[in-house]
Amino acid sequence: MTVTDIRGLRLSGASPEGLAAYERAVHQLSLYVGDPVATVEQALARDPDFVMAHVLKAWMQLLGTEPAGYAVARRVLEASMRLPVTGREQRHLIAIAHLVDGRWHMASRVLEDLSIEYPRDLLALQVGHQLDFFRGDARMLRDRIVRALPAWSPEVPGYHAVLGMRAFGLEESGDYAQAERYGRQAVEIEPRDSWAQHAVAHVLEMQGRQREGIAWMRGNTEGWSCESFFAVHNWWHLALYHLELGEIDVALALFDGPIYGGRSRVTLDMVDASAMLWRLSLYGVDVGDRWEALADAWEPLADARLYAFNDAHAMMAFAGAGRREAAERLLAAQAETMRGSGDNAAFTREVGHPVALALQAFGERKYAEAVRQLRGVRNVAQRFGGSHAQRDVLDLTLIEAALRAGTPALARALSAERAALRPTSPLARLFVERAAALKRAA
C-alpha cells in the first residue's frame, strides 16, 4: 500500500495510523508548539520502519544544537540506513549525515536541491531555513523559500509556515515592507505560528518601531507563547523593545519571568538569556547574582565545540560571572576546533574566537582590547550565524567598549552611525550624548 502525506509526498514504512501521528508532529513543528519529538515517537512506536518519522526525529535533535542531540541523531541515522527509502527520503538522510559530521554547508545544499525538486516538502523547507539562519546566510533565507512559494497556496496545509519563513527571509535581506506583509498574513491565517510572529517582531525591531512592536507582541501573547518551545525567544524580542526605550524594570522583570525564571537548560533558551543579561549589563544595570545561575548552566557546554554562536553567549555568562577558568576552557576548546576541518572551524576562526576574546576582555575591563577584537569582525559577523537583531549585541558592546576605553573620536563615530540607522532610538541618542560628553572631558 502506497502512503502519502497530506501534501502528496510518498512515505516509506508508514501506516495510516503512524501517518496521523507524523502529521501531528510536522504540524507542531510548523507552529513551534507542543512536543514534536514525543509525537513522532508515537509514529515510530506504531511503524518502526517509518523513514520520515526517523528523519523528523533526527532533525529535531540536531536543530537544538545540543551535544546530546547529536548522539541521538547519529543513532537514528544508523537505524534508518538499513531501511528501503525513496530518493527524497535518501536526500534527507544524506543531509542529516552531513550535519552530524559538522558539514553545515553541505547539509544545506542537499536540502536546497531537495526543495527545488520537491517544493512541498515542508520539513525540508523548515530545516533548510533553520540551517540558513544558523549559517547567517540571508540570501538563502530568502531565496530557498521564494523558489518553493509557487507550489503553495492557501489550500495546501502548512501554507502559513511558508509565508512566515518568507517573511523572515525578506526581513534578514532588508526588505522590511514585504516581510511585514507576509508575516502578518501568516499570523492572520494561523495565530499560533510563532515563527511568523517573530518575523514581524524582527521588522519592528530593525525599524526602531518599539511601541508598535510591544503592541504586536502583547496583542497575541496567547498565540505565540502557549505551549510554544519558541516562546522564550519571542519574550526576548518583547524585552528588547522595552530595553531600547529605557524601560529597564520591565525588561528585567521579563528576564526574571518568562525568559529565564525557569532556569532552562535548553541551549537556545540560554542563548536568549545571555543575550538579554549582557545587554542589561551594558546599560549599567546591576543584575546582582543573575549571572551565576546562567554561568552554571553554560559550564557543562564550555567545551562542546558544536557551534561558535553558542560559544559567544556562553562567554557572556562566564565574563559576567567572573568565571575565568570556564572562559579559558571555552577558548581552549575553540583553539582545538580551529585545528579541525568542519564548518564550525571556519565559524570559530573567522568570527567566534575573536568575539569570545572580546567578550572576555570586556568582562575584565580591558576595553581597548575588546574594541580591537570587535572591530576586526563586526562587518563579517554574519558568518557565525544568528540574525541581525541577535548580532546587534556586538555593535552595542563595541560602542560601550569605545566609550569606556576613553576614545572620544571612535565613540563619537560609532554613536553617530547608530543614530543614523535608528533615529528614533532613545538608546542611540544616549550613546551620542555620552560620546559628546567624553569629547568635552578629553
Protein backbone atom coordinates (compact mmCIF):
# COMPACT_ATOMS: atom_id res chain seq x y z
CA MET A 1 0.00 0.00 0.00
CA THR A 2 1.33 3.41 -1.01
CA VAL A 3 1.01 6.01 1.75
CA THR A 4 1.41 9.73 1.07
CA ASP A 5 1.44 12.72 3.36
CA ILE A 6 -1.17 15.50 3.20
CA ARG A 7 0.91 17.30 0.58
CA GLY A 8 1.12 14.26 -1.72
CA LEU A 9 4.65 13.06 -0.95
CA ARG A 10 5.23 9.30 -0.78
CA LEU A 11 6.29 7.86 2.56
CA SER A 12 8.17 4.60 3.16
CA GLY A 13 7.22 2.31 6.02
CA ALA A 14 4.13 4.24 7.12
CA SER A 15 0.68 3.00 8.02
CA PRO A 16 -2.36 5.29 8.16
CA GLU A 17 -2.16 5.22 11.96
CA GLY A 18 1.56 6.09 12.05
CA LEU A 19 0.98 8.75 9.42
CA ALA A 20 -1.57 10.52 11.63
CA ALA A 21 0.98 10.90 14.44
CA TYR A 22 3.66 12.02 11.98
CA GLU A 23 1.38 14.70 10.53
CA ARG A 24 0.66 15.98 14.04
CA ALA A 25 4.39 16.24 14.69
CA VAL A 26 5.04 18.12 11.44
CA HIS A 27 2.17 20.46 12.28
CA GLN A 28 3.58 21.07 15.76
CA LEU A 29 6.96 21.90 14.27
CA SER A 30 5.38 24.29 11.77
CA LEU A 31 3.91 26.21 14.72
CA TYR A 32 6.79 25.65 17.19
CA VAL A 33 4.33 24.26 19.72
CA GLY A 34 3.95 21.10 21.77
CA ASP A 35 6.50 18.30 21.70
CA PRO A 36 7.08 17.09 18.13
CA VAL A 37 9.72 14.61 19.32
CA ALA A 38 7.28 12.86 21.66
CA THR A 39 4.61 12.91 18.96
CA VAL A 40 6.86 11.41 16.30
CA GLU A 41 7.85 8.71 18.79
CA GLN A 42 4.21 7.66 18.70
CA ALA A 43 4.52 7.24 14.94
CA LEU A 44 7.66 5.16 15.36
CA ALA A 45 6.07 3.01 18.06
CA ARG A 46 3.35 2.14 15.54
CA ASP A 47 5.65 1.95 12.48
CA PRO A 48 9.32 1.24 13.39
CA ASP A 49 10.34 1.37 9.72
CA PHE A 50 8.68 4.74 9.03
CA VAL A 51 11.59 6.55 7.39
CA MET A 52 10.35 10.14 7.53
CA ALA A 53 9.42 9.70 11.20
CA HIS A 54 13.06 8.76 11.83
CA VAL A 55 14.13 11.75 9.74
CA LEU A 56 11.94 14.17 11.70
CA LYS A 57 13.26 12.80 14.98
CA ALA A 58 16.87 13.29 13.84
CA TRP A 59 16.28 16.82 12.60
CA MET A 60 14.60 17.83 15.86
CA GLN A 61 17.64 16.59 17.76
CA LEU A 62 20.09 18.44 15.52
CA LEU A 63 18.31 21.79 15.34
CA GLY A 64 18.59 22.26 19.09
CA THR A 65 22.42 22.43 18.79
CA GLU A 66 22.67 20.25 21.91
CA PRO A 67 25.62 17.84 22.25
CA ALA A 68 23.32 15.05 23.43
CA GLY A 69 21.08 15.64 20.42
CA TYR A 70 23.90 14.86 18.01
CA ALA A 71 24.41 11.46 19.61
CA VAL A 72 20.70 10.67 19.26
CA ALA A 73 20.66 11.84 15.64
CA ARG A 74 23.63 9.62 14.85
CA ARG A 75 21.82 6.57 16.26
CA VAL A 76 18.66 7.46 14.34
CA LEU A 77 20.70 7.80 11.16
CA GLU A 78 22.33 4.41 11.63
CA ALA A 79 18.94 2.78 12.21
CA SER A 80 17.48 4.41 9.11
CA MET A 81 20.26 3.41 6.76
CA ARG A 82 19.05 -0.20 6.66
CA LEU A 83 15.51 0.76 5.56
CA PRO A 84 14.19 0.95 1.99
CA VAL A 85 13.80 4.60 1.07
CA THR A 86 12.63 6.87 -1.73
CA GLY A 87 15.04 9.25 -3.43
CA ARG A 88 13.58 12.17 -1.47
CA GLU A 89 13.95 10.36 1.83
CA GLN A 90 17.52 9.37 0.94
CA ARG A 91 18.42 13.03 0.47
CA HIS A 92 17.14 13.84 3.94
CA LEU A 93 19.36 11.08 5.33
CA ILE A 94 22.37 12.36 3.39
CA ALA A 95 21.78 15.88 4.73
CA ILE A 96 21.50 14.54 8.28
CA ALA A 97 24.79 12.66 7.83
CA HIS A 98 26.49 15.85 6.69
CA LEU A 99 25.26 17.84 9.67
CA VAL A 100 26.08 15.10 12.19
CA ASP A 101 29.66 15.27 10.89
CA GLY A 102 29.78 19.07 11.08
CA ARG A 103 29.25 19.86 7.40
CA TRP A 104 26.64 22.58 7.80
CA HIS A 105 27.03 23.98 4.29
CA MET A 106 26.73 20.59 2.58
CA ALA A 107 23.64 19.71 4.62
CA SER A 108 22.11 22.98 3.50
CA ARG A 109 22.98 22.35 -0.15
CA VAL A 110 21.47 18.87 -0.15
CA LEU A 111 18.23 20.25 1.27
CA GLU A 112 18.33 23.11 -1.22
CA ASP A 113 18.39 20.66 -4.12
CA LEU A 114 15.71 18.54 -2.47
CA SER A 115 13.40 21.55 -2.15
CA ILE A 116 13.95 22.51 -5.77
CA GLU A 117 12.63 19.12 -6.82
CA TYR A 118 10.05 18.70 -4.02
CA PRO A 119 8.94 22.23 -3.10
CA ARG A 120 6.07 20.93 -0.97
CA ASP A 121 8.34 19.05 1.40
CA LEU A 122 7.61 21.31 4.38
CA LEU A 123 10.13 19.59 6.64
CA ALA A 124 12.94 20.11 4.12
CA LEU A 125 11.98 23.79 3.79
CA GLN A 126 11.86 24.35 7.55
CA VAL A 127 15.11 22.57 8.29
CA GLY A 128 16.87 24.24 5.37
CA HIS A 129 15.57 27.62 6.55
CA GLN A 130 16.95 26.95 10.04
CA LEU A 131 20.32 25.95 8.62
CA ASP A 132 20.39 29.18 6.63
CA PHE A 133 19.75 31.02 9.89
CA PHE A 134 22.45 29.11 11.77
CA ARG A 135 24.90 29.86 8.95
CA GLY A 136 23.91 33.53 8.71
CA ASP A 137 23.03 33.16 5.03
CA ALA A 138 20.47 35.92 4.49
CA ARG A 139 20.21 35.34 0.76
CA MET A 140 19.28 31.68 1.14
CA LEU A 141 16.88 32.51 3.98
CA ARG A 142 15.03 34.49 1.35
CA ASP A 143 15.60 32.53 -1.84
CA ARG A 144 15.09 28.98 -0.57
CA ILE A 145 11.50 29.90 0.27
CA VAL A 146 10.67 32.11 -2.68
CA ARG A 147 11.68 29.30 -5.04
CA ALA A 148 9.13 27.00 -3.43
CA LEU A 149 6.32 29.51 -3.00
CA PRO A 150 4.70 29.00 -6.45
CA ALA A 151 3.96 25.39 -5.43
CA TRP A 152 1.98 26.57 -2.40
CA SER A 153 -1.45 28.12 -1.96
CA PRO A 154 -3.87 28.72 0.92
CA GLU A 155 -5.39 25.30 0.19
CA VAL A 156 -2.12 23.45 0.89
CA PRO A 157 -1.70 22.53 4.58
CA GLY A 158 1.18 24.44 6.13
CA TYR A 159 0.89 27.47 3.85
CA HIS A 160 1.12 29.80 6.84
CA ALA A 161 4.55 28.39 7.72
CA VAL A 162 5.88 29.05 4.23
CA LEU A 163 4.63 32.65 4.43
CA GLY A 164 6.27 33.03 7.84
CA MET A 165 9.60 31.75 6.54
CA ARG A 166 9.26 34.01 3.52
CA ALA A 167 8.74 36.94 5.91
CA PHE A 168 11.85 36.20 7.93
CA GLY A 169 14.00 35.74 4.84
CA LEU A 170 12.81 39.08 3.49
CA GLU A 171 13.48 40.78 6.84
CA GLU A 172 17.04 39.47 7.05
CA SER A 173 17.53 40.70 3.46
CA GLY A 174 16.36 44.20 4.40
CA ASP A 175 13.01 44.14 2.56
CA TYR A 176 11.02 45.22 5.60
CA ALA A 177 7.77 46.23 3.92
CA GLN A 178 7.25 42.90 2.17
CA ALA A 179 8.47 40.99 5.23
CA GLU A 180 5.89 42.65 7.43
CA ARG A 181 3.13 41.99 4.93
CA TYR A 182 3.88 38.28 4.61
CA GLY A 183 4.40 37.84 8.35
CA ARG A 184 1.13 39.49 9.28
CA GLN A 185 -0.68 37.44 6.64
CA ALA A 186 0.75 34.23 8.10
CA VAL A 187 -0.35 35.11 11.64
CA GLU A 188 -3.78 36.10 10.37
CA ILE A 189 -4.10 32.62 8.83
CA GLU A 190 -2.64 30.86 11.88
CA PRO A 191 -2.33 32.95 15.08
CA ARG A 192 -0.20 30.25 16.72
CA ASP A 193 2.59 30.50 14.13
CA SER A 194 5.42 31.58 16.43
CA TRP A 195 7.97 31.93 13.62
CA ALA A 196 5.79 34.29 11.61
CA GLN A 197 5.04 36.30 14.75
CA HIS A 198 8.77 36.57 15.34
CA ALA A 199 9.47 37.61 11.73
CA VAL A 200 7.29 40.70 12.17
CA ALA A 201 8.93 41.31 15.56
CA HIS A 202 12.27 41.46 13.74
CA VAL A 203 10.94 44.01 11.25
CA LEU A 204 9.69 46.27 14.01
CA GLU A 205 12.98 45.91 15.92
CA MET A 206 15.13 46.75 12.91
CA GLN A 207 12.98 49.77 12.05
CA GLY A 208 13.01 51.13 15.59
CA ARG A 209 9.24 50.82 15.96
CA GLN A 210 9.36 49.78 19.60
CA ARG A 211 5.86 50.83 20.66
CA GLU A 212 4.35 49.06 17.67
CA GLY A 213 6.47 46.03 18.50
CA ILE A 214 5.18 45.93 22.05
CA ALA A 215 1.61 46.18 20.78
CA TRP A 216 2.27 43.44 18.20
CA MET A 217 3.63 41.01 20.75
CA ARG A 218 1.22 41.84 23.57
CA GLY A 219 -1.74 41.62 21.21
CA ASN A 220 -1.19 37.91 20.51
CA THR A 221 0.60 36.66 23.62
CA GLU A 222 -1.64 33.63 23.96
CA GLY A 223 -1.00 32.66 20.35
CA TRP A 224 2.80 32.68 20.40
CA SER A 225 3.55 31.72 23.99
CA CYS A 226 1.10 28.95 24.89
CA GLU A 227 2.90 25.57 24.89
CA SER A 228 5.49 27.01 22.49
CA PHE A 229 9.11 25.86 22.55
CA PHE A 230 9.92 29.14 20.81
CA ALA A 231 8.27 31.29 23.49
CA VAL A 232 11.48 32.33 25.26
CA HIS A 233 12.85 33.86 22.08
CA ASN A 234 9.67 35.82 21.48
CA TRP A 235 9.65 37.04 25.09
CA TRP A 236 13.23 38.12 24.43
CA HIS A 237 12.03 40.19 21.48
CA LEU A 238 9.43 41.89 23.68
CA ALA A 239 12.11 42.65 26.28
CA LEU A 240 14.32 44.16 23.56
CA TYR A 241 11.67 46.78 22.79
CA HIS A 242 11.36 47.77 26.43
CA LEU A 243 15.12 47.88 26.86
CA GLU A 244 15.60 50.12 23.83
CA LEU A 245 13.05 52.52 25.32
CA GLY A 246 14.93 52.57 28.61
CA GLU A 247 12.18 50.67 30.44
CA ILE A 248 14.69 48.70 32.45
CA ASP A 249 12.30 47.45 35.12
CA VAL A 250 10.06 45.83 32.52
CA ALA A 251 12.98 44.21 30.70
CA LEU A 252 14.39 42.90 33.97
CA ALA A 253 11.00 41.53 35.01
CA LEU A 254 10.72 39.71 31.69
CA PHE A 255 14.17 38.24 32.23
CA ASP A 256 13.26 37.07 35.72
CA GLY A 257 9.95 35.73 34.45
CA PRO A 258 9.38 34.05 31.09
CA ILE A 259 12.91 34.45 29.70
CA TYR A 260 14.92 32.81 32.46
CA GLY A 261 12.72 32.46 35.51
CA GLY A 262 12.51 28.73 34.89
CA ARG A 263 16.32 28.39 34.69
CA SER A 264 16.04 26.46 31.42
CA ARG A 265 18.95 24.22 30.43
CA VAL A 266 17.86 24.29 26.77
CA THR A 267 20.77 25.79 24.85
CA LEU A 268 18.70 28.08 22.63
CA ASP A 269 16.89 29.45 25.71
CA MET A 270 20.25 30.03 27.40
CA VAL A 271 21.41 31.98 24.34
CA ASP A 272 18.48 34.36 24.76
CA ALA A 273 19.08 34.66 28.49
CA SER A 274 22.76 35.53 27.99
CA ALA A 275 21.94 38.00 25.25
CA MET A 276 19.41 39.85 27.41
CA LEU A 277 21.50 39.87 30.58
CA TRP A 278 24.55 41.12 28.66
CA ARG A 279 22.52 43.98 27.19
CA LEU A 280 21.20 44.88 30.63
CA SER A 281 24.77 44.91 31.93
CA LEU A 282 25.85 47.16 29.05
CA TYR A 283 23.13 49.54 30.18
CA GLY A 284 24.85 49.68 33.56
CA VAL A 285 22.10 47.73 35.28
CA ASP A 286 23.15 45.94 38.46
CA VAL A 287 21.99 42.42 37.67
CA GLY A 288 23.00 41.05 41.06
CA ASP A 289 23.78 37.35 41.11
CA ARG A 290 21.79 36.52 37.98
CA TRP A 291 24.95 35.68 36.05
CA GLU A 292 25.78 32.89 38.47
CA ALA A 293 22.84 30.63 37.61
CA LEU A 294 23.36 31.22 33.90
CA ALA A 295 27.08 30.51 34.10
CA ASP A 296 26.28 27.30 35.99
CA ALA A 297 24.05 26.25 33.09
CA TRP A 298 26.69 27.05 30.48
CA GLU A 299 29.67 25.41 32.23
CA PRO A 300 28.92 21.84 31.02
CA LEU A 301 28.91 23.22 27.46
CA ALA A 302 32.12 25.25 27.71
CA ASP A 303 33.98 22.72 25.57
CA ALA A 304 31.05 21.44 23.48
CA ARG A 305 32.70 22.61 20.22
CA LEU A 306 29.47 22.44 18.23
CA TYR A 307 28.56 25.98 17.24
CA ALA A 308 30.56 29.20 17.61
CA PHE A 309 27.45 31.35 18.03
CA ASN A 310 26.59 29.42 21.19
CA ASP A 311 30.17 29.85 22.41
CA ALA A 312 29.79 33.62 22.29
CA HIS A 313 26.77 33.50 24.57
CA ALA A 314 28.47 31.08 26.94
CA MET A 315 31.37 33.54 27.16
CA MET A 316 28.95 36.33 28.06
CA ALA A 317 27.87 34.30 31.08
CA PHE A 318 31.42 33.40 32.08
CA ALA A 319 32.58 37.01 31.73
CA GLY A 320 29.54 38.30 33.61
CA ALA A 321 30.03 35.84 36.46
CA GLY A 322 33.81 36.23 36.56
CA ARG A 323 34.34 32.53 35.70
CA ARG A 324 37.89 32.81 34.38
CA GLU A 325 38.52 29.05 34.39
CA ALA A 326 35.37 28.32 32.38
CA ALA A 327 36.28 31.08 29.95
CA GLU A 328 39.71 29.60 29.42
CA ARG A 329 38.17 26.14 28.86
CA LEU A 330 35.97 27.63 26.18
CA LEU A 331 38.89 29.37 24.48
CA ALA A 332 40.94 26.17 24.59
CA ALA A 333 38.06 24.23 23.04
CA GLN A 334 37.81 26.85 20.31
CA ALA A 335 41.53 26.51 19.62
CA GLU A 336 41.01 22.78 19.17
CA THR A 337 38.01 23.41 16.92
CA MET A 338 40.03 25.75 14.72
CA ARG A 339 42.57 22.99 14.12
CA GLY A 340 39.79 20.85 12.68
CA SER A 341 38.15 20.83 9.27
CA GLY A 342 34.40 21.06 9.95
CA ASP A 343 32.41 24.16 9.09
CA ASN A 344 32.37 25.22 12.73
CA ALA A 345 36.15 25.57 12.47
CA ALA A 346 35.58 28.41 9.99
CA PHE A 347 32.71 29.88 12.03
CA THR A 348 35.03 29.95 15.02
CA ARG A 349 38.17 31.13 13.26
CA GLU A 350 36.53 33.95 11.32
CA VAL A 351 34.17 35.29 13.99
CA GLY A 352 33.55 33.16 17.05
CA HIS A 353 37.03 33.18 18.57
CA PRO A 354 37.65 36.95 18.20
CA VAL A 355 34.18 37.59 19.64
CA ALA A 356 34.86 35.33 22.62
CA LEU A 357 38.16 37.11 23.23
CA ALA A 358 36.42 40.47 23.01
CA LEU A 359 33.71 39.49 25.46
CA GLN A 360 36.28 38.12 27.89
CA ALA A 361 38.30 41.34 27.60
CA PHE A 362 35.20 43.46 28.18
CA GLY A 363 34.33 41.46 31.28
CA GLU A 364 37.86 42.07 32.57
CA ARG A 365 37.54 45.81 31.82
CA LYS A 366 40.14 45.63 29.07
CA TYR A 367 38.00 47.83 26.88
CA ALA A 368 40.65 48.78 24.32
CA GLU A 369 41.27 45.09 23.63
CA ALA A 370 37.54 44.46 23.29
CA VAL A 371 37.38 47.29 20.74
CA ARG A 372 40.32 45.85 18.81
CA GLN A 373 38.82 42.36 18.58
CA LEU A 374 35.30 43.51 17.68
CA ARG A 375 36.37 45.98 15.01
CA GLY A 376 38.07 43.12 13.19
CA VAL A 377 34.91 41.04 12.88
CA ARG A 378 31.84 43.28 13.06
CA ASN A 379 31.48 43.52 9.27
CA VAL A 380 31.64 39.73 8.76
CA ALA A 381 29.81 38.63 11.91
CA GLN A 382 27.03 37.01 9.88
CA ARG A 383 29.48 34.22 9.12
CA PHE A 384 28.91 32.65 12.52
CA GLY A 385 25.13 32.75 12.28
CA GLY A 386 22.25 34.36 14.08
CA SER A 387 20.03 37.23 12.98
CA HIS A 388 20.73 40.93 12.59
CA ALA A 389 18.89 41.56 15.85
CA GLN A 390 20.95 38.96 17.70
CA ARG A 391 24.28 40.12 16.28
CA ASP A 392 23.43 43.70 17.22
CA VAL A 393 24.83 42.88 20.66
CA LEU A 394 28.29 43.03 19.08
CA ASP A 395 27.72 46.62 17.90
CA LEU A 396 26.33 47.58 21.29
CA THR A 397 29.35 46.06 23.02
CA LEU A 398 31.72 47.82 20.63
CA ILE A 399 30.14 51.23 21.27
CA GLU A 400 30.13 50.70 25.02
CA ALA A 401 33.74 49.50 24.96
CA ALA A 402 34.79 52.57 22.95
CA LEU A 403 33.06 54.83 25.47
CA ARG A 404 34.64 53.08 28.45
CA ALA A 405 38.06 52.94 26.79
CA GLY A 406 38.03 56.73 26.61
CA THR A 407 38.36 57.00 22.83
CA PRO A 408 36.17 60.02 22.07
CA ALA A 409 36.66 60.11 18.29
CA LEU A 410 35.75 56.44 17.80
CA ALA A 411 32.91 56.63 20.31
CA ARG A 412 31.51 59.67 18.52
CA ALA A 413 31.78 57.98 15.10
CA LEU A 414 30.12 54.75 16.24
CA SER A 415 27.36 56.62 18.07
CA ALA A 416 26.66 58.79 15.03
CA GLU A 417 26.46 55.64 12.91
CA ARG A 418 23.90 54.07 15.22
CA ALA A 419 21.84 57.24 15.49
CA ALA A 420 21.65 57.44 11.70
CA LEU A 421 20.42 53.85 11.49
CA ARG A 422 17.98 54.24 14.41
CA PRO A 423 17.00 57.92 14.50
CA THR A 424 14.08 57.40 16.92
CA SER A 425 16.03 55.26 19.38
CA PRO A 426 16.42 56.65 22.92
CA LEU A 427 19.43 54.37 23.40
CA ALA A 428 21.11 55.73 20.26
CA ARG A 429 20.57 59.29 21.50
CA LEU A 430 22.07 58.34 24.85
CA PHE A 431 25.18 56.99 23.11
CA VAL A 432 25.53 60.27 21.18
CA GLU A 433 25.21 62.30 24.38
CA ARG A 434 27.77 60.17 26.21
CA ALA A 435 30.22 60.41 23.31
CA ALA A 436 29.83 64.19 23.24
CA ALA A 437 30.45 64.39 26.98
CA LEU A 438 33.53 62.22 26.58
CA LYS A 439 34.88 64.59 23.94
CA ARG A 440 34.25 67.63 26.15
CA ALA A 441 36.08 65.96 29.01
CA ALA A 442 39.06 64.98 26.85
